[in-house]
Amino acid sequence: MPSKVKLVADSGSTKAEWCLMNGQEKRSFFTQGMSPYFLSGAQITELVQTELLPQLNGIMPEEVFYYGTGCAAPQNAQLVQASLQQVWPQASVMVSHDLMAAARGLCGHEAGIASILGTGSNSCYFDGKNIVKNNPGLGYVLGDEGSGAFLGKKILQYYLYQTFDDEMRFRFEEQYKVTKESILESVYRKPLPNRYLASFTPFLSENRGHYMIENILEDGLNEFFFNHIYKYSESWTVPLYFTGSIAWHFRDILEELCHLYELQLGKIIKNPMDGLAVYHEDEK
């Protein structure tokens, strides 16, 4: 019996990865991220039709497994499911949230603390089958500690409050050519402010070693540990797993924090797609 053609998606706010599994063949494609908090159902359908379908070259999946930011809320999951069903009316479409993607992709069928540190941040205790505990995600305004949006906001605060020393201030102005007015306009009036804030995090990678940059990183990631990791009693008995661009680029700091707090580090990967593909490949 031939294998079903499956499409697995892992979408954050900024970028989405789609893995097409056709028998033994696996291929990955990329589109913009799709947050139902920022996009309507019609916009999601249009995005998939214009950005993904041309890459698939007419291949029609029989099963679609979509994991996305914002889909923990039932109404958002329903909106995304209906939008994808418009694209593939004959396919079976399953929609879950990005935290489940992280849990299954990182932990497989074992227990662990799974954390996402990307444009936003989230975490959970996964018992090998289900997400048993989830510290509330409050979004980029009230929470998202350790995320790209959180760290980007700190960079802008250092700049606008004139906390940066002359060297860092000069580097920042040379790279970004922004003004106080343009920053406030982008944060408070333009769409997708979380992406805008996160867009400044490359400045951190490019200026590692400067004490102010290290302070922003260590304080931001430590806040994630304090407000999230510490809230799970299981953190001291099961491994900690991390995924996302921030986790990957600043994995040395996560390793140091785990060592400092005597916590067991599992693994840190850029994205959970490889694990997700294996998880759904095993399903018949």
Protein backbone atom coordinates (compact mmCIF):
# COMPACT_ATOMS: atom_id res chain seq x y z
CA MET A 1 0.00 0.00 0.00
CA PRO A 2 1.61 3.32 -1.07
CA SER A 3 2.34 5.91 1.60
CA LYS A 4 0.07 8.91 1.84
CA VAL A 5 1.38 12.27 0.68
CA LYS A 6 1.74 14.30 3.88
CA LEU A 7 2.45 17.98 4.45
CA VAL A 8 3.72 19.04 7.87
CA ALA A 9 3.93 22.75 8.73
CA ASP A 10 5.62 24.53 11.60
CA SER A 11 4.76 28.22 11.59
CA GLY A 12 5.94 31.02 13.83
CA SER A 13 4.98 34.66 13.53
CA THR A 14 7.79 35.43 11.10
CA LYS A 15 8.45 32.27 9.06
CA ALA A 16 6.76 28.95 8.28
CA GLU A 17 8.48 25.73 7.23
CA TRP A 18 6.51 23.13 5.26
CA CYS A 19 7.83 19.59 4.87
CA LEU A 20 6.32 17.54 2.05
CA MET A 21 6.63 13.79 2.57
CA ASN A 22 5.97 11.76 -0.54
CA GLY A 23 7.02 8.17 0.07
CA GLN A 24 10.73 8.18 0.89
CA GLU A 25 11.17 11.73 -0.37
CA LYS A 26 11.13 14.73 1.97
CA ARG A 27 11.37 18.32 0.82
CA SER A 28 11.12 21.55 2.79
CA PHE A 29 9.61 24.83 1.63
CA PHE A 30 9.34 28.19 3.32
CA THR A 31 6.75 30.97 3.45
CA GLN A 32 5.96 33.90 5.69
CA GLY A 33 4.66 33.00 9.12
CA MET A 34 0.91 32.94 9.68
CA SER A 35 -0.39 34.24 12.99
CA PRO A 36 -4.20 34.26 13.24
CA TYR A 37 -3.83 37.19 15.61
CA PHE A 38 -2.52 39.31 12.75
CA LEU A 39 -3.97 37.70 9.60
CA SER A 40 -7.58 37.02 8.61
CA GLY A 41 -8.72 33.70 7.23
CA ALA A 42 -8.78 35.11 3.70
CA GLN A 43 -5.23 36.45 4.11
CA ILE A 44 -3.99 33.04 5.31
CA THR A 45 -5.59 31.30 2.34
CA GLU A 46 -4.11 33.85 -0.06
CA LEU A 47 -0.65 33.56 1.51
CA VAL A 48 -0.62 29.77 1.10
CA GLN A 49 -1.92 29.98 -2.46
CA THR A 50 0.60 32.60 -3.57
CA GLU A 51 3.71 31.56 -1.61
CA LEU A 52 3.44 27.77 -1.13
CA LEU A 53 1.41 26.26 -3.95
CA PRO A 54 3.83 27.37 -6.71
CA GLN A 55 6.63 25.58 -4.83
CA LEU A 56 4.63 22.33 -4.60
CA ASN A 57 4.31 22.14 -8.40
CA GLY A 58 0.86 20.64 -8.37
CA ILE A 59 1.48 17.95 -5.73
CA MET A 60 -1.65 17.64 -3.58
CA PRO A 61 -1.24 16.40 0.00
CA GLU A 62 -3.71 13.89 1.37
CA GLU A 63 -2.97 14.83 4.97
CA VAL A 64 -1.95 18.24 6.32
CA PHE A 65 -0.54 18.61 9.84
CA TYR A 66 -0.25 22.29 10.70
CA TYR A 67 1.37 23.57 13.89
CA GLY A 68 1.26 27.31 14.35
CA THR A 69 1.62 30.23 16.67
CA GLY A 70 -1.69 31.42 18.12
CA CYS A 71 -3.45 28.11 17.46
CA ALA A 72 -3.78 27.13 21.13
CA ALA A 73 -6.95 29.26 21.14
CA PRO A 74 -9.76 27.08 19.68
CA GLN A 75 -11.24 29.90 17.59
CA ASN A 76 -7.84 30.59 16.01
CA ALA A 77 -7.27 26.90 15.30
CA GLN A 78 -10.68 26.73 13.62
CA LEU A 79 -9.90 29.80 11.53
CA VAL A 80 -6.62 28.33 10.30
CA GLN A 81 -8.18 24.92 9.70
CA ALA A 82 -10.95 26.45 7.59
CA SER A 83 -8.41 28.57 5.68
CA LEU A 84 -6.23 25.56 4.83
CA GLN A 85 -9.27 23.49 3.92
CA GLN A 86 -10.07 26.15 1.31
CA VAL A 87 -6.68 25.44 -0.28
CA TRP A 88 -6.92 21.62 -0.04
CA PRO A 89 -10.65 20.74 0.14
CA GLN A 90 -10.00 16.99 -0.36
CA ALA A 91 -7.29 16.69 2.29
CA SER A 92 -7.53 15.78 5.97
CA VAL A 93 -6.36 18.91 7.84
CA MET A 94 -5.19 18.82 11.46
CA VAL A 95 -4.30 22.08 13.23
CA SER A 96 -2.43 22.31 16.51
CA HIS A 97 -0.26 24.93 18.16
CA ASP A 98 3.45 25.62 17.87
CA LEU A 99 4.11 24.46 21.42
CA MET A 100 2.88 20.96 20.54
CA ALA A 101 5.22 21.06 17.54
CA ALA A 102 8.10 21.88 19.86
CA ALA A 103 7.12 19.17 22.34
CA ARG A 104 6.77 16.42 19.72
CA GLY A 105 9.74 17.58 17.65
CA LEU A 106 12.08 17.95 20.64
CA CYS A 107 10.98 15.29 23.11
CA GLY A 108 9.55 12.67 20.78
CA HIS A 109 7.79 10.23 23.11
CA GLU A 110 9.84 11.12 26.21
CA ALA A 111 9.07 13.52 29.05
CA GLY A 112 10.73 16.93 29.08
CA ILE A 113 10.39 20.69 29.37
CA ALA A 114 10.02 22.05 25.83
CA SER A 115 10.64 25.75 25.22
CA ILE A 116 10.34 28.01 22.19
CA LEU A 117 12.56 31.07 21.96
CA GLY A 118 11.90 32.71 18.60
CA THR A 119 10.04 35.89 17.69
CA GLY A 120 7.91 35.02 20.73
CA SER A 121 8.48 32.61 23.61
CA ASN A 122 6.57 29.76 25.22
CA SER A 123 7.20 26.61 27.28
CA CYS A 124 5.52 23.50 28.60
CA TYR A 125 5.96 20.26 30.51
CA PHE A 126 5.38 17.36 28.10
CA ASP A 127 4.90 13.91 29.63
CA GLY A 128 5.73 12.04 26.41
CA LYS A 129 2.15 12.10 25.14
CA ASN A 130 0.45 15.29 26.21
CA ILE A 131 1.25 18.82 27.28
CA VAL A 132 0.44 18.61 30.97
CA LYS A 133 1.48 22.10 32.09
CA ASN A 134 1.88 25.35 30.18
CA ASN A 135 2.91 28.62 31.76
CA PRO A 136 0.66 31.30 30.28
CA GLY A 137 2.04 33.05 27.22
CA LEU A 138 1.23 36.75 27.53
CA GLY A 139 2.47 37.95 24.15
CA TYR A 140 5.06 40.56 23.31
CA VAL A 141 3.45 43.40 25.29
CA LEU A 142 3.15 41.70 28.70
CA GLY A 143 5.49 38.74 28.37
CA ASP A 144 7.52 36.83 25.78
CA GLU A 145 10.59 36.93 28.02
CA GLY A 146 13.72 35.77 26.23
CA SER A 147 12.14 36.12 22.79
CA GLY A 148 13.34 38.11 19.80
CA ALA A 149 10.62 40.70 20.42
CA PHE A 150 11.60 40.97 24.09
CA LEU A 151 15.32 41.32 23.33
CA GLY A 152 14.63 43.75 20.47
CA LYS A 153 12.59 45.90 22.82
CA LYS A 154 15.56 45.97 25.23
CA ILE A 155 17.89 47.09 22.43
CA LEU A 156 15.55 49.97 21.56
CA GLN A 157 15.23 50.93 25.22
CA TYR A 158 19.02 51.02 25.57
CA TYR A 159 19.18 53.23 22.49
CA LEU A 160 16.28 55.58 23.23
CA TYR A 161 17.13 55.95 26.94
CA GLN A 162 20.75 56.66 25.91
CA THR A 163 21.98 53.74 27.99
CA PHE A 164 24.30 52.56 25.22
CA ASP A 165 27.83 53.88 25.44
CA ASP A 166 29.14 55.99 22.53
CA GLU A 167 30.54 52.94 20.71
CA MET A 168 27.30 50.95 20.77
CA ARG A 169 25.19 54.00 19.99
CA PHE A 170 27.35 54.78 16.93
CA ARG A 171 27.18 51.17 15.70
CA PHE A 172 23.42 51.06 16.15
CA GLU A 173 22.82 54.34 14.29
CA GLU A 174 25.15 53.32 11.46
CA GLN A 175 23.32 50.03 10.99
CA TYR A 176 19.68 50.96 11.37
CA LYS A 177 19.27 54.67 10.46
CA VAL A 178 16.20 55.02 12.69
CA THR A 179 14.81 57.92 14.70
CA LYS A 180 12.72 58.00 17.84
CA GLU A 181 9.73 58.98 15.70
CA SER A 182 10.18 56.13 13.20
CA ILE A 183 10.59 53.59 16.02
CA LEU A 184 7.43 54.72 17.82
CA GLU A 185 5.52 54.76 14.52
CA SER A 186 6.55 51.17 13.79
CA VAL A 187 5.80 49.92 17.30
CA TYR A 188 2.48 51.67 17.91
CA ARG A 189 0.93 52.30 14.51
CA LYS A 190 2.22 49.85 11.93
CA PRO A 191 1.20 46.16 11.62
CA LEU A 192 3.27 43.28 13.07
CA PRO A 193 5.16 45.23 15.76
CA ASN A 194 6.48 41.99 17.26
CA ARG A 195 8.34 41.23 14.03
CA TYR A 196 9.67 44.78 13.95
CA LEU A 197 11.05 44.46 17.47
CA ALA A 198 12.58 41.06 16.73
CA SER A 199 14.26 42.45 13.59
CA PHE A 200 16.87 44.15 15.81
CA THR A 201 18.21 40.93 17.36
CA PRO A 202 20.97 40.47 14.71
CA PHE A 203 22.60 43.48 16.39
CA LEU A 204 23.11 41.27 19.44
CA SER A 205 24.78 38.47 17.45
CA GLU A 206 27.04 40.92 15.64
CA ASN A 207 28.25 42.61 18.83
CA ARG A 208 28.82 39.68 21.17
CA GLY A 209 31.51 40.34 23.75
CA HIS A 210 30.50 43.93 24.51
CA TYR A 211 29.36 44.04 28.11
CA MET A 212 26.10 45.86 27.34
CA ILE A 213 25.14 43.30 24.71
CA GLU A 214 25.98 40.45 27.08
CA ASN A 215 23.87 42.13 29.79
CA ILE A 216 20.84 42.33 27.49
CA LEU A 217 21.18 38.67 26.52
CA GLU A 218 21.89 37.28 29.97
CA ASP A 219 19.15 39.35 31.64
CA GLY A 220 16.59 38.54 28.94
CA LEU A 221 17.20 34.79 28.96
CA ASN A 222 17.47 34.70 32.74
CA GLU A 223 14.01 36.29 32.92
CA PHE A 224 12.72 33.40 30.81
CA PHE A 225 14.19 30.91 33.27
CA PHE A 226 12.88 32.80 36.30
CA ASN A 227 9.34 33.40 34.96
CA HIS A 228 8.86 30.11 33.13
CA ILE A 229 11.37 27.28 33.66
CA TYR A 230 11.36 27.78 37.43
CA LYS A 231 7.55 27.45 37.52
CA TYR A 232 7.72 23.76 36.55
CA SER A 233 8.66 21.50 39.45
CA GLU A 234 9.59 18.89 36.80
CA SER A 235 12.47 21.12 35.60
CA TRP A 236 14.71 19.46 38.18
CA THR A 237 13.80 15.88 37.15
CA VAL A 238 13.53 15.91 33.32
CA PRO A 239 15.70 17.39 30.55
CA LEU A 240 15.18 20.91 29.20
CA TYR A 241 14.80 21.26 25.43
CA PHE A 242 14.93 24.49 23.43
CA THR A 243 14.08 25.46 19.87
CA GLY A 244 13.81 28.69 17.90
CA SER A 245 16.20 31.19 16.37
CA ILE A 246 17.02 32.93 19.66
CA ALA A 247 17.65 29.61 21.43
CA TRP A 248 19.92 28.49 18.60
CA HIS A 249 21.98 31.66 18.17
CA PHE A 250 22.50 32.18 21.90
CA ARG A 251 22.71 28.54 22.95
CA ASP A 252 25.94 29.19 24.85
CA ILE A 253 24.03 31.35 27.33
CA LEU A 254 21.29 28.72 27.73
CA GLU A 255 23.99 26.14 28.43
CA GLU A 256 25.56 28.42 31.04
CA LEU A 257 22.21 29.05 32.74
CA CYS A 258 21.40 25.32 32.88
CA HIS A 259 24.83 24.70 34.42
CA LEU A 260 24.40 27.60 36.86
CA TYR A 261 20.99 26.37 38.05
CA GLU A 262 22.01 22.69 37.97
CA LEU A 263 19.37 21.75 35.41
CA GLN A 264 19.73 18.94 32.87
CA LEU A 265 20.01 20.23 29.31
CA GLY A 266 18.55 17.94 26.65
CA LYS A 267 19.20 19.53 23.27
CA ILE A 268 18.95 22.87 21.51
CA ILE A 269 17.88 22.90 17.87
CA LYS A 270 17.04 25.71 15.47
CA ASN A 271 13.63 24.30 14.60
CA PRO A 272 11.71 21.11 15.42
CA MET A 273 10.80 20.10 11.87
CA ASP A 274 13.16 17.10 11.63
CA GLY A 275 11.61 15.61 14.76
CA LEU A 276 8.09 16.44 13.59
CA ALA A 277 8.67 14.76 10.23
CA VAL A 278 9.84 11.60 11.98
CA TYR A 279 6.84 11.75 14.33
CA HIS A 280 4.32 11.90 11.46
CA GLU A 281 6.29 9.58 9.22
CA ASP A 282 5.81 6.88 11.85
CA GLU A 283 2.03 7.36 11.79
CA LYS A 284 0.17 5.06 9.44
